[in-house]
Every structure is written in structure tokens, then in C-alpha cells.
Amino acid sequence: DPPTAPVLADLNVNGRMIPAAIQVTKQGMIYTFNRVTGEPVWPIVETPVPQNGVPGEQLSATQPIPSRPAAFERQGITEDDLIDFTPELKAEALQILEGYTWGPLFTPPSIVDETNGGTVFMPGFGGGANWQGVVFDPETNMLYIPSTSHPMKVGLGKSRSDEFDYAMTSRGIVMEGPAGLPLIKPPYGRITAVNMNTGDHVWMMANADTPDEIRNNSRLQGVTIAERTGHGDRGALLVTKSLLFAGEGAGLYGGQTGGGRMFRAHDKNTGEILSEFELPAKQTGLPMTYAIDGVQYIVVPVGETGHPGELVALRVRQEN
């Protein structure tokens, strides 16, 4: 599910200039094509995928997986992905997961019954990437991607219609972990920087500080938690000649840990946070920038329950 517009870029791959189209997906893929010829810039490999579908379902034996760049999100779910703040929490998370079908990417939906609650997908239906899109720096050919990790479940049951054998009976619910915590370990949201000339990941960082609902959870008292776990919504980005700006999102798809009011300026080469500012409400759209009389401005749309939507204009101040 490509959830956003592609990026048009002129890449330098092994000394060869390529007019490219770059498409990210909710699954965490980055597909890169020559936009003139349609040929993949790097091989896209037809890869065998799970075949344990419901009776009568016809599944493709393979799916097209890009060889480069690597995925920017966790794909499928393994025991190693589960929350591991304490051994007890991980054991409880595994016990929750044992009531479902789970495995690698493209594990098909399963029938819900007394022993199976459906199939767990990661990233979930919200992504991965989503409508917030990506930003691209044409001077460095770096791609910056906001994304999240949401394990979600989907299940099938007997259809009430004569037209179909099965229908969806459980869909799109974010899987909750033990004690009201996420089922998986952090980061729950991230920003990933990819050099599109080489297809290499350059840096990745959590998209936010650790949310209070995790930091203050009674099961984590006395447990050392990282300062930045990220949270479950994508903050829309803006890249300029010198900086990468990132908000924290509105929390529309965040499950337990979504959205926030912080707006940050990052070193676009390393991800280091250079400055941060608290907005009056959560970021609800993409930031934009303009200059008047040599002064740079950034406008961010914000809003949340109890706070009408508005545009917040920030002025970039240069310090000596």
C-alpha cells in the first residue's frame, strides 16, 4: 500500500546519473525506479513468502522485495521484537502472542476460533510510512522517512453472504501488550535517513522522548528506561539547506503512545537534536517554510481535542 506520493530525484549510483522515482510503503519498503525506463535502480527480488492461507485461498508464491535500500521498519514479528524491559514482561508478551498466528512479512490472514485470535501484522495497516510522506534533500540525495511500528491483528470467519466463503471478523486493532504497555520493544516511532546514491542507511533515531504512560507505568518502577523510546505516530518532516525539522504528530494512529507537541531541529547529517520548541497543540500536518527580507519562517499546522486548528509561525533566529 503506497500511502504517499513518490519522490522524483536525480541520483548518482556508481557514477551513473539516474532519473529516479522513489516510493515508500506502509510495509517499510523503499522501491526505486528509473522514472524514464521503469527499470529498478537496484534489483527487486521475487522472494518466497508464507503459504498457510485459509482453505481455497490462492496466494502468490513470491513477493517483490527490494534488495536496496533495506527496509526502514521491522517487518513481520519475532520473539526478539517483543517488549523486554523485564524478563517477566517479555514472558507475558509471548503468552499474549501465542494466542495468535504470527511470523514473517506476508503471513496471510487466519481463521479466528477458540485458539486463534487472528494474524498479527507488523508494521500494521497504518504503516510503516503513511500520508506524512518523506522528505528528500536534492543537494545530498538523502531521504528522510518518518515511520512507526504497530503490530495489528486481522482475522477471518465464515461469511454471512453466499458470495464469499470468508469475511473479515477482526481488523486493524493495535495489539496491546502486558500491563497496558506496548507489545513490542522500542523504538515505537523513528526517523530514518537513507543515502539514495548508495542505498545505505546513514542514521536512525527514535522520534520522541519516552511517553509518560510508559515511564510512569507501575510495572516499570525501578527499571531503567531509555530517555527516547519514540512514540506511535509519525511527525511530518521538513528539510532545508542546513536542518531537518520534525514534529511529533497528532496521535491519530498512535494506539497507546501517539502524538506530541514538540517540534525539533535536527542536524540532518547525524540526527542530533540542535533545538526543540513546544507547540501550543499537536502537529496535524506538514510544516512549510518561506523567507521574507532575509528572515526564514516555518509554519506548522496544529490542533487537538479542546484546541481549535491553527497555524503556528516560527521565526528562525541565527545566533553567533
C-alpha atoms as a PDB file:
ATOM      1  CA  ASP A   1       0.000   0.000   0.000  1.00  0.00           C
ATOM      2  CA  PRO A   2       1.927   3.070  -1.192  1.00  0.00           C
ATOM      3  CA  PRO A   3       0.404   5.705   1.120  1.00  0.00           C
ATOM      4  CA  THR A   4       2.135   8.793  -0.219  1.00  0.00           C
ATOM      5  CA  ALA A   5       3.376  10.412  -3.413  1.00  0.00           C
ATOM      6  CA  PRO A   6       6.694   9.238  -4.858  1.00  0.00           C
ATOM      7  CA  VAL A   7       9.819  11.385  -4.778  1.00  0.00           C
ATOM      8  CA  LEU A   8      11.411  12.379  -8.090  1.00  0.00           C
ATOM      9  CA  ALA A   9      15.177  12.585  -7.744  1.00  0.00           C
ATOM     10  CA  ASP A  10      18.330  12.588  -9.843  1.00  0.00           C
ATOM     11  CA  LEU A  11      20.632  10.012  -8.261  1.00  0.00           C
ATOM     12  CA  ASN A  12      24.318   9.289  -8.769  1.00  0.00           C
ATOM     13  CA  VAL A  13      24.611   5.498  -8.496  1.00  0.00           C
ATOM     14  CA  ASN A  14      28.135   4.166  -9.035  1.00  0.00           C
ATOM     15  CA  GLY A  15      28.986   7.233 -11.084  1.00  0.00           C
ATOM     16  CA  ARG A  16      25.907   6.905 -13.311  1.00  0.00           C
ATOM     17  CA  MET A  17      23.232   9.617 -13.239  1.00  0.00           C
ATOM     18  CA  ILE A  18      19.753   8.119 -12.951  1.00  0.00           C
ATOM     19  CA  PRO A  19      16.433   9.997 -13.127  1.00  0.00           C
ATOM     20  CA  ALA A  20      14.672   8.163 -10.329  1.00  0.00           C
ATOM     21  CA  ALA A  21      11.240   7.751  -8.753  1.00  0.00           C
ATOM     22  CA  ILE A  22      11.349   6.655  -5.100  1.00  0.00           C
ATOM     23  CA  GLN A  23       8.265   5.092  -3.488  1.00  0.00           C
ATOM     24  CA  VAL A  24       7.959   4.160   0.184  1.00  0.00           C
ATOM     25  CA  THR A  25       5.253   1.835   1.512  1.00  0.00           C
ATOM     26  CA  LYS A  26       3.345   1.084   4.682  1.00  0.00           C
ATOM     27  CA  GLN A  27       5.324  -2.162   4.914  1.00  0.00           C
ATOM     28  CA  GLY A  28       8.605  -0.275   5.276  1.00  0.00           C
ATOM     29  CA  MET A  29       9.848  -0.869   1.714  1.00  0.00           C
ATOM     30  CA  ILE A  30      11.696   1.630  -0.488  1.00  0.00           C
ATOM     31  CA  TYR A  31      11.181   0.906  -4.206  1.00  0.00           C
ATOM     32  CA  THR A  32      13.490   2.877  -6.518  1.00  0.00           C
ATOM     33  CA  PHE A  33      12.920   3.006 -10.284  1.00  0.00           C
ATOM     34  CA  ASN A  34      14.378   4.763 -13.271  1.00  0.00           C
ATOM     35  CA  ARG A  35      11.437   7.071 -13.915  1.00  0.00           C
ATOM     36  CA  VAL A  36      12.145   7.166 -17.681  1.00  0.00           C
ATOM     37  CA  THR A  37      12.529   3.445 -18.384  1.00  0.00           C
ATOM     38  CA  GLY A  38      10.728   1.918 -15.392  1.00  0.00           C
ATOM     39  CA  GLU A  39      13.715  -0.314 -14.588  1.00  0.00           C
ATOM     40  CA  PRO A  40      14.597  -0.860 -10.900  1.00  0.00           C
ATOM     41  CA  VAL A  41      17.711   1.030  -9.804  1.00  0.00           C
ATOM     42  CA  TRP A  42      18.619  -1.943  -7.610  1.00  0.00           C
ATOM     43  CA  PRO A  43      17.297  -5.476  -8.161  1.00  0.00           C
ATOM     44  CA  ILE A  44      13.808  -6.256  -6.865  1.00  0.00           C
ATOM     45  CA  VAL A  45      13.837  -9.922  -5.921  1.00  0.00           C
ATOM     46  CA  GLU A  46      10.802 -12.210  -6.134  1.00  0.00           C
ATOM     47  CA  THR A  47      11.075 -13.774  -2.677  1.00  0.00           C
ATOM     48  CA  PRO A  48       9.192 -16.852  -1.367  1.00  0.00           C
ATOM     49  CA  VAL A  49       6.560 -15.944   1.234  1.00  0.00           C
ATOM     50  CA  PRO A  50       4.356 -17.968   3.665  1.00  0.00           C
ATOM     51  CA  GLN A  51       1.623 -20.087   2.068  1.00  0.00           C
ATOM     52  CA  ASN A  52      -0.505 -21.041   5.079  1.00  0.00           C
ATOM     53  CA  GLY A  53      -3.683 -19.287   3.941  1.00  0.00           C
ATOM     54  CA  VAL A  54      -7.290 -20.245   4.571  1.00  0.00           C
ATOM     55  CA  PRO A  55      -8.748 -23.192   2.591  1.00  0.00           C
ATOM     56  CA  GLY A  56      -9.362 -22.271  -1.038  1.00  0.00           C
ATOM     57  CA  GLU A  57      -7.282 -19.104  -0.930  1.00  0.00           C
ATOM     58  CA  GLN A  58      -4.892 -18.615  -3.855  1.00  0.00           C
ATOM     59  CA  LEU A  59      -1.669 -16.998  -2.643  1.00  0.00           C
ATOM     60  CA  SER A  60       1.249 -15.718  -4.667  1.00  0.00           C
ATOM     61  CA  ALA A  61       4.282 -17.918  -4.059  1.00  0.00           C
ATOM     62  CA  THR A  62       6.581 -14.868  -4.058  1.00  0.00           C
ATOM     63  CA  GLN A  63       6.518 -11.148  -3.415  1.00  0.00           C
ATOM     64  CA  PRO A  64       8.823  -8.443  -4.862  1.00  0.00           C
ATOM     65  CA  ILE A  65      11.334  -7.329  -2.215  1.00  0.00           C
ATOM     66  CA  PRO A  66      13.852  -4.531  -2.946  1.00  0.00           C
ATOM     67  CA  SER A  67      17.479  -5.595  -2.490  1.00  0.00           C
ATOM     68  CA  ARG A  68      18.390  -1.978  -1.642  1.00  0.00           C
ATOM     69  CA  PRO A  69      17.740   0.101   0.354  1.00  0.00           C
ATOM     70  CA  ALA A  70      16.976  -2.139   3.320  1.00  0.00           C
ATOM     71  CA  ALA A  71      13.555  -1.831   4.963  1.00  0.00           C
ATOM     72  CA  PHE A  72      13.167   1.160   7.278  1.00  0.00           C
ATOM     73  CA  GLU A  73      10.806  -0.653   9.671  1.00  0.00           C
ATOM     74  CA  ARG A  74      10.542  -4.036  11.371  1.00  0.00           C
ATOM     75  CA  GLN A  75       8.736  -6.427   9.037  1.00  0.00           C
ATOM     76  CA  GLY A  76       6.817  -9.345  10.471  1.00  0.00           C
ATOM     77  CA  ILE A  77       7.126 -10.213  14.128  1.00  0.00           C
ATOM     78  CA  THR A  78       9.515 -12.487  16.009  1.00  0.00           C
ATOM     79  CA  GLU A  79      10.083 -13.275  19.666  1.00  0.00           C
ATOM     80  CA  ASP A  80      13.051 -10.898  19.576  1.00  0.00           C
ATOM     81  CA  ASP A  81      10.687  -7.996  18.744  1.00  0.00           C
ATOM     82  CA  LEU A  82       8.712  -8.326  21.995  1.00  0.00           C
ATOM     83  CA  ILE A  83       8.884  -5.897  24.893  1.00  0.00           C
ATOM     84  CA  ASP A  84      11.911  -6.719  27.035  1.00  0.00           C
ATOM     85  CA  PHE A  85      12.048  -4.061  29.760  1.00  0.00           C
ATOM     86  CA  THR A  86      11.929  -7.007  32.218  1.00  0.00           C
ATOM     87  CA  PRO A  87      12.040 -10.792  31.679  1.00  0.00           C
ATOM     88  CA  GLU A  88       8.559 -11.053  33.224  1.00  0.00           C
ATOM     89  CA  LEU A  89       7.053  -8.575  30.755  1.00  0.00           C
ATOM     90  CA  LYS A  90       8.629 -10.394  27.825  1.00  0.00           C
ATOM     91  CA  ALA A  91       7.232 -13.726  29.038  1.00  0.00           C
ATOM     92  CA  GLU A  92       3.763 -12.180  29.346  1.00  0.00           C
ATOM     93  CA  ALA A  93       4.064 -10.646  25.865  1.00  0.00           C
ATOM     94  CA  LEU A  94       4.987 -14.043  24.432  1.00  0.00           C
ATOM     95  CA  GLN A  95       1.990 -15.581  26.184  1.00  0.00           C
ATOM     96  CA  ILE A  96      -0.275 -12.968  24.563  1.00  0.00           C
ATOM     97  CA  LEU A  97       1.236 -13.632  21.151  1.00  0.00           C
ATOM     98  CA  GLU A  98       0.760 -17.385  21.457  1.00  0.00           C
ATOM     99  CA  GLY A  99      -2.981 -16.807  21.105  1.00  0.00           C
ATOM    100  CA  TYR A 100      -2.450 -15.581  17.525  1.00  0.00           C
ATOM    101  CA  THR A 101      -0.854 -16.555  14.227  1.00  0.00           C
ATOM    102  CA  TRP A 102       2.368 -14.645  13.658  1.00  0.00           C
ATOM    103  CA  GLY A 103       5.549 -14.783  11.652  1.00  0.00           C
ATOM    104  CA  PRO A 104       7.372 -13.029   8.795  1.00  0.00           C
ATOM    105  CA  LEU A 105       6.023 -10.369   6.472  1.00  0.00           C
ATOM    106  CA  PHE A 106       3.221 -11.623   4.200  1.00  0.00           C
ATOM    107  CA  THR A 107       1.975 -14.184   6.739  1.00  0.00           C
ATOM    108  CA  PRO A 108      -1.644 -14.373   5.473  1.00  0.00           C
ATOM    109  CA  PRO A 109      -4.801 -13.689   7.496  1.00  0.00           C
ATOM    110  CA  SER A 110      -6.022 -16.690   9.503  1.00  0.00           C
ATOM    111  CA  ILE A 111      -9.365 -18.018  10.753  1.00  0.00           C
ATOM    112  CA  VAL A 112     -10.448 -16.786  14.181  1.00  0.00           C
ATOM    113  CA  ASP A 113     -11.524 -19.582  16.522  1.00  0.00           C
ATOM    114  CA  GLU A 114     -11.241 -20.610  20.176  1.00  0.00           C
ATOM    115  CA  THR A 115      -7.455 -20.964  19.967  1.00  0.00           C
ATOM    116  CA  ASN A 116      -6.539 -18.268  17.421  1.00  0.00           C
ATOM    117  CA  GLY A 117      -7.355 -14.564  17.576  1.00  0.00           C
ATOM    118  CA  GLY A 118      -6.200 -13.879  14.012  1.00  0.00           C
ATOM    119  CA  THR A 119      -2.882 -12.980  12.363  1.00  0.00           C
ATOM    120  CA  VAL A 120      -0.549 -10.309  13.733  1.00  0.00           C
ATOM    121  CA  PHE A 121       0.925  -7.938  11.137  1.00  0.00           C
ATOM    122  CA  MET A 122       3.874  -5.599  11.597  1.00  0.00           C
ATOM    123  CA  PRO A 123       4.031  -2.887  10.513  1.00  0.00           C
ATOM    124  CA  GLY A 124       0.280  -2.615  10.947  1.00  0.00           C
ATOM    125  CA  PHE A 125      -2.201  -1.274   8.413  1.00  0.00           C
ATOM    126  CA  GLY A 126      -1.276   2.299   9.335  1.00  0.00           C
ATOM    127  CA  GLY A 127       2.382   1.731   8.432  1.00  0.00           C
ATOM    128  CA  GLY A 128       5.329   1.999   8.395  1.00  0.00           C
ATOM    129  CA  ALA A 129       5.105   5.163   6.334  1.00  0.00           C
ATOM    130  CA  ASN A 130       1.808   6.973   5.828  1.00  0.00           C
ATOM    131  CA  TRP A 131       0.347  10.220   4.467  1.00  0.00           C
ATOM    132  CA  GLN A 132       3.036  12.305   6.188  1.00  0.00           C
ATOM    133  CA  GLY A 133       5.303  11.126   3.380  1.00  0.00           C
ATOM    134  CA  VAL A 134       9.045  11.610   3.245  1.00  0.00           C
ATOM    135  CA  VAL A 135      11.407  14.500   2.584  1.00  0.00           C
ATOM    136  CA  PHE A 136      14.336  14.481   0.169  1.00  0.00           C
ATOM    137  CA  ASP A 137      17.437  16.676   0.102  1.00  0.00           C
ATOM    138  CA  PRO A 138      18.472  17.187  -3.558  1.00  0.00           C
ATOM    139  CA  GLU A 139      21.883  18.548  -2.533  1.00  0.00           C
ATOM    140  CA  THR A 140      22.927  15.385  -0.685  1.00  0.00           C
ATOM    141  CA  ASN A 141      20.402  12.875  -2.109  1.00  0.00           C
ATOM    142  CA  MET A 142      19.406  11.890   1.430  1.00  0.00           C
ATOM    143  CA  LEU A 143      15.892  10.576   2.039  1.00  0.00           C
ATOM    144  CA  TYR A 144      14.316  11.123   5.480  1.00  0.00           C
ATOM    145  CA  ILE A 145      11.419   8.861   6.467  1.00  0.00           C
ATOM    146  CA  PRO A 146       9.086   9.148   9.493  1.00  0.00           C
ATOM    147  CA  SER A 147       7.553   5.775  10.398  1.00  0.00           C
ATOM    148  CA  THR A 148       6.063   3.713  13.200  1.00  0.00           C
ATOM    149  CA  SER A 149       5.902   0.104  14.387  1.00  0.00           C
ATOM    150  CA  HIS A 150       2.326  -1.002  15.106  1.00  0.00           C
ATOM    151  CA  PRO A 151       1.562  -4.701  15.462  1.00  0.00           C
ATOM    152  CA  MET A 152      -2.075  -5.108  14.421  1.00  0.00           C
ATOM    153  CA  LYS A 153      -4.316  -8.154  14.100  1.00  0.00           C
ATOM    154  CA  VAL A 154      -6.659  -9.316  11.361  1.00  0.00           C
ATOM    155  CA  GLY A 155      -8.803 -12.428  11.305  1.00  0.00           C
ATOM    156  CA  LEU A 156     -11.281 -14.189   9.048  1.00  0.00           C
ATOM    157  CA  GLY A 157     -14.504 -16.051   9.785  1.00  0.00           C
ATOM    158  CA  LYS A 158     -17.289 -17.718   7.860  1.00  0.00           C
ATOM    159  CA  SER A 159     -19.107 -15.185   5.696  1.00  0.00           C
ATOM    160  CA  ARG A 160     -22.807 -14.464   6.172  1.00  0.00           C
ATOM    161  CA  SER A 161     -23.033 -13.914   2.421  1.00  0.00           C
ATOM    162  CA  ASP A 162     -23.366 -16.702  -0.118  1.00  0.00           C
ATOM    163  CA  GLU A 163     -20.997 -14.747  -2.341  1.00  0.00           C
ATOM    164  CA  PHE A 164     -17.893 -15.370  -0.177  1.00  0.00           C
ATOM    165  CA  ASP A 165     -16.582 -18.261   1.888  1.00  0.00           C
ATOM    166  CA  TYR A 166     -14.868 -15.979   4.418  1.00  0.00           C
ATOM    167  CA  ALA A 167     -15.156 -12.410   5.642  1.00  0.00           C
ATOM    168  CA  MET A 168     -13.047 -10.233   7.895  1.00  0.00           C
ATOM    169  CA  THR A 169     -14.169 -10.553  11.510  1.00  0.00           C
ATOM    170  CA  SER A 170     -11.281  -8.860  13.324  1.00  0.00           C
ATOM    171  CA  ARG A 171      -9.386  -5.994  11.806  1.00  0.00           C
ATOM    172  CA  GLY A 172      -6.863  -3.280  12.424  1.00  0.00           C
ATOM    173  CA  ILE A 173      -6.717  -3.333  16.210  1.00  0.00           C
ATOM    174  CA  VAL A 174      -3.354  -2.348  17.683  1.00  0.00           C
ATOM    175  CA  MET A 175      -2.096  -5.246  19.777  1.00  0.00           C
ATOM    176  CA  GLU A 176      -1.758  -4.234  23.419  1.00  0.00           C
ATOM    177  CA  GLY A 177       0.977  -5.800  25.489  1.00  0.00           C
ATOM    178  CA  PRO A 178       1.181  -6.673  29.173  1.00  0.00           C
ATOM    179  CA  ALA A 179       0.204  -4.148  31.859  1.00  0.00           C
ATOM    180  CA  GLY A 180      -1.100  -1.693  29.264  1.00  0.00           C
ATOM    181  CA  LEU A 181       2.348  -1.385  27.708  1.00  0.00           C
ATOM    182  CA  PRO A 182       3.168  -1.895  24.009  1.00  0.00           C
ATOM    183  CA  LEU A 183       3.564  -5.500  22.868  1.00  0.00           C
ATOM    184  CA  ILE A 184       6.920  -4.773  21.236  1.00  0.00           C
ATOM    185  CA  LYS A 185      10.151  -3.169  22.368  1.00  0.00           C
ATOM    186  CA  PRO A 186      11.102   0.355  21.225  1.00  0.00           C
ATOM    187  CA  PRO A 187      11.527   2.349  19.149  1.00  0.00           C
ATOM    188  CA  TYR A 188       7.802   2.777  18.595  1.00  0.00           C
ATOM    189  CA  GLY A 189       8.378   5.516  16.046  1.00  0.00           C
ATOM    190  CA  ARG A 190      11.502   6.588  14.245  1.00  0.00           C
ATOM    191  CA  ILE A 191      13.148   8.822  11.695  1.00  0.00           C
ATOM    192  CA  THR A 192      15.430   7.043   9.228  1.00  0.00           C
ATOM    193  CA  ALA A 193      17.975   8.738   6.958  1.00  0.00           C
ATOM    194  CA  VAL A 194      18.939   6.883   3.759  1.00  0.00           C
ATOM    195  CA  ASN A 195      21.637   7.810   1.232  1.00  0.00           C
ATOM    196  CA  MET A 196      19.818   7.204  -2.042  1.00  0.00           C
ATOM    197  CA  ASN A 197      23.027   7.307  -4.089  1.00  0.00           C
ATOM    198  CA  THR A 198      24.205   4.137  -2.355  1.00  0.00           C
ATOM    199  CA  GLY A 199      21.034   2.697  -0.816  1.00  0.00           C
ATOM    200  CA  ASP A 200      22.688   2.716   2.627  1.00  0.00           C
ATOM    201  CA  HIS A 201      21.019   3.673   5.897  1.00  0.00           C
ATOM    202  CA  VAL A 202      23.008   6.552   7.427  1.00  0.00           C
ATOM    203  CA  TRP A 203      21.256   7.042  10.764  1.00  0.00           C
ATOM    204  CA  MET A 204      18.070   6.176  12.618  1.00  0.00           C
ATOM    205  CA  MET A 205      16.692   7.690  15.810  1.00  0.00           C
ATOM    206  CA  ALA A 206      13.556   7.426  17.924  1.00  0.00           C
ATOM    207  CA  ASN A 207      11.055  10.140  17.021  1.00  0.00           C
ATOM    208  CA  ALA A 208      10.270  11.324  20.580  1.00  0.00           C
ATOM    209  CA  ASP A 209      11.134  11.074  24.248  1.00  0.00           C
ATOM    210  CA  THR A 210       9.704   8.198  26.275  1.00  0.00           C
ATOM    211  CA  PRO A 211       5.955   8.818  26.812  1.00  0.00           C
ATOM    212  CA  ASP A 212       4.691   9.296  30.371  1.00  0.00           C
ATOM    213  CA  GLU A 213       2.385   6.273  30.061  1.00  0.00           C
ATOM    214  CA  ILE A 214       5.497   4.115  29.705  1.00  0.00           C
ATOM    215  CA  ARG A 215       7.803   5.990  32.066  1.00  0.00           C
ATOM    216  CA  ASN A 216       5.193   6.056  34.853  1.00  0.00           C
ATOM    217  CA  ASN A 217       3.831   2.526  34.417  1.00  0.00           C
ATOM    218  CA  SER A 218       3.728   0.751  37.786  1.00  0.00           C
ATOM    219  CA  ARG A 219       5.407  -2.339  36.344  1.00  0.00           C
ATOM    220  CA  LEU A 220       8.445  -0.270  35.373  1.00  0.00           C
ATOM    221  CA  GLN A 221       9.163   1.403  38.691  1.00  0.00           C
ATOM    222  CA  GLY A 222      12.882   0.994  39.403  1.00  0.00           C
ATOM    223  CA  VAL A 223      13.563  -0.187  35.828  1.00  0.00           C
ATOM    224  CA  THR A 224      15.959   1.877  33.725  1.00  0.00           C
ATOM    225  CA  ILE A 225      14.158   3.025  30.581  1.00  0.00           C
ATOM    226  CA  ALA A 226      15.831   4.836  27.695  1.00  0.00           C
ATOM    227  CA  GLU A 227      15.213   8.589  27.517  1.00  0.00           C
ATOM    228  CA  ARG A 228      13.955   8.201  23.948  1.00  0.00           C
ATOM    229  CA  THR A 229      11.753   5.249  23.045  1.00  0.00           C
ATOM    230  CA  GLY A 230       9.835   7.193  20.440  1.00  0.00           C
ATOM    231  CA  HIS A 231       6.055   7.051  20.240  1.00  0.00           C
ATOM    232  CA  GLY A 232       3.458   5.694  17.903  1.00  0.00           C
ATOM    233  CA  ASP A 233       2.801   8.464  15.416  1.00  0.00           C
ATOM    234  CA  ARG A 234       4.769   9.908  12.525  1.00  0.00           C
ATOM    235  CA  GLY A 235       5.751  13.549  12.800  1.00  0.00           C
ATOM    236  CA  ALA A 236       5.771  15.239   9.397  1.00  0.00           C
ATOM    237  CA  LEU A 237       9.223  16.480   8.355  1.00  0.00           C
ATOM    238  CA  LEU A 238      10.768  19.476   6.599  1.00  0.00           C
ATOM    239  CA  VAL A 239      14.332  19.563   5.246  1.00  0.00           C
ATOM    240  CA  THR A 240      16.241  22.754   4.433  1.00  0.00           C
ATOM    241  CA  LYS A 241      19.798  23.530   3.314  1.00  0.00           C
ATOM    242  CA  SER A 242      21.062  23.225   6.870  1.00  0.00           C
ATOM    243  CA  LEU A 243      18.499  21.444   9.080  1.00  0.00           C
ATOM    244  CA  LEU A 244      15.890  18.702   9.350  1.00  0.00           C
ATOM    245  CA  PHE A 245      12.743  19.769  11.225  1.00  0.00           C
ATOM    246  CA  ALA A 246      10.425  17.209  12.805  1.00  0.00           C
ATOM    247  CA  GLY A 247       7.214  17.354  14.777  1.00  0.00           C
ATOM    248  CA  GLU A 248       5.655  14.534  16.786  1.00  0.00           C
ATOM    249  CA  GLY A 249       2.329  14.037  15.034  1.00  0.00           C
ATOM    250  CA  ALA A 250      -1.287  14.296  16.116  1.00  0.00           C
ATOM    251  CA  GLY A 251      -1.717  10.829  17.600  1.00  0.00           C
ATOM    252  CA  LEU A 252      -4.296   9.754  15.023  1.00  0.00           C
ATOM    253  CA  TYR A 253      -2.835   6.252  14.657  1.00  0.00           C
ATOM    254  CA  GLY A 254      -0.860   6.091  17.846  1.00  0.00           C
ATOM    255  CA  GLY A 255      -2.515   3.390  19.910  1.00  0.00           C
ATOM    256  CA  GLN A 256      -1.120   3.769  23.398  1.00  0.00           C
ATOM    257  CA  THR A 257       1.757   6.118  22.612  1.00  0.00           C
ATOM    258  CA  GLY A 258       0.830   8.610  19.893  1.00  0.00           C
ATOM    259  CA  GLY A 259       1.449  12.254  19.097  1.00  0.00           C
ATOM    260  CA  GLY A 260       3.099  15.118  20.902  1.00  0.00           C
ATOM    261  CA  ARG A 261       3.691  18.864  20.950  1.00  0.00           C
ATOM    262  CA  MET A 262       7.463  19.056  20.493  1.00  0.00           C
ATOM    263  CA  PHE A 263       8.961  20.488  17.313  1.00  0.00           C
ATOM    264  CA  ARG A 264      12.671  19.882  16.813  1.00  0.00           C
ATOM    265  CA  ALA A 265      15.558  20.990  14.627  1.00  0.00           C
ATOM    266  CA  HIS A 266      17.994  18.165  13.846  1.00  0.00           C
ATOM    267  CA  ASP A 267      21.445  18.061  12.317  1.00  0.00           C
ATOM    268  CA  LYS A 268      20.428  16.461   9.027  1.00  0.00           C
ATOM    269  CA  ASN A 269      23.761  14.620   8.719  1.00  0.00           C
ATOM    270  CA  THR A 270      23.632  12.900  12.114  1.00  0.00           C
ATOM    271  CA  GLY A 271      20.129  13.331  13.552  1.00  0.00           C
ATOM    272  CA  GLU A 272      21.478  15.208  16.586  1.00  0.00           C
ATOM    273  CA  ILE A 273      18.825  17.432  18.188  1.00  0.00           C
ATOM    274  CA  LEU A 274      20.045  21.038  17.970  1.00  0.00           C
ATOM    275  CA  SER A 275      16.940  22.800  19.279  1.00  0.00           C
ATOM    276  CA  GLU A 276      13.392  21.984  20.368  1.00  0.00           C
ATOM    277  CA  PHE A 277      10.254  24.015  20.892  1.00  0.00           C
ATOM    278  CA  GLU A 278       6.900  23.088  22.436  1.00  0.00           C
ATOM    279  CA  LEU A 279       3.967  23.896  20.181  1.00  0.00           C
ATOM    280  CA  PRO A 280       0.632  25.002  21.712  1.00  0.00           C
ATOM    281  CA  ALA A 281      -1.007  21.786  20.416  1.00  0.00           C
ATOM    282  CA  LYS A 282      -0.091  18.646  18.481  1.00  0.00           C
ATOM    283  CA  GLN A 283       1.196  18.789  14.908  1.00  0.00           C
ATOM    284  CA  THR A 284      -1.616  17.928  12.468  1.00  0.00           C
ATOM    285  CA  GLY A 285       0.014  18.433   9.076  1.00  0.00           C
ATOM    286  CA  LEU A 286       3.182  19.073   7.151  1.00  0.00           C
ATOM    287  CA  PRO A 287       5.350  22.089   8.023  1.00  0.00           C
ATOM    288  CA  MET A 288       6.292  24.587   5.303  1.00  0.00           C
ATOM    289  CA  THR A 289       8.873  27.329   5.086  1.00  0.00           C
ATOM    290  CA  TYR A 290       9.353  30.697   3.380  1.00  0.00           C
ATOM    291  CA  ALA A 291      11.604  33.766   3.680  1.00  0.00           C
ATOM    292  CA  ILE A 292      10.780  37.488   3.813  1.00  0.00           C
ATOM    293  CA  ASP A 293      13.542  40.128   3.760  1.00  0.00           C
ATOM    294  CA  GLY A 294      16.159  37.505   4.585  1.00  0.00           C
ATOM    295  CA  VAL A 295      14.260  36.142   7.590  1.00  0.00           C
ATOM    296  CA  GLN A 296      13.264  32.461   7.463  1.00  0.00           C
ATOM    297  CA  TYR A 297       9.863  31.351   8.778  1.00  0.00           C
ATOM    298  CA  ILE A 298       8.389  27.917   9.410  1.00  0.00           C
ATOM    299  CA  VAL A 299       4.636  27.366   9.638  1.00  0.00           C
ATOM    300  CA  VAL A 300       3.227  24.298  11.411  1.00  0.00           C
ATOM    301  CA  PRO A 301      -0.480  23.324  11.484  1.00  0.00           C
ATOM    302  CA  VAL A 302      -1.574  22.259  14.978  1.00  0.00           C
ATOM    303  CA  GLY A 303      -4.707  21.196  16.827  1.00  0.00           C
ATOM    304  CA  GLU A 304      -6.129  18.643  19.238  1.00  0.00           C
ATOM    305  CA  THR A 305      -9.227  17.969  21.312  1.00  0.00           C
ATOM    306  CA  GLY A 306     -10.123  21.232  23.025  1.00  0.00           C
ATOM    307  CA  HIS A 307      -7.733  23.246  20.868  1.00  0.00           C
ATOM    308  CA  PRO A 308      -9.081  24.581  17.534  1.00  0.00           C
ATOM    309  CA  GLY A 309      -6.901  24.038  14.487  1.00  0.00           C
ATOM    310  CA  GLU A 310      -4.496  26.865  13.769  1.00  0.00           C
ATOM    311  CA  LEU A 311      -1.232  27.710  12.028  1.00  0.00           C
ATOM    312  CA  VAL A 312       1.793  28.462  14.184  1.00  0.00           C
ATOM    313  CA  ALA A 313       4.506  30.567  12.535  1.00  0.00           C
ATOM    314  CA  LEU A 314       8.050  30.288  13.904  1.00  0.00           C
ATOM    315  CA  ARG A 315      10.952  32.568  13.021  1.00  0.00           C
ATOM    316  CA  VAL A 316      14.411  31.049  12.627  1.00  0.00           C
ATOM    317  CA  ARG A 317      16.913  33.100  14.613  1.00  0.00           C
ATOM    318  CA  GLN A 318      20.607  32.934  13.776  1.00  0.00           C
ATOM    319  CA  GLU A 319      22.928  33.006  16.780  1.00  0.00           C
ATOM    320  CA  ASN A 320      26.578  33.986  16.555  1.00  0.00           C
END
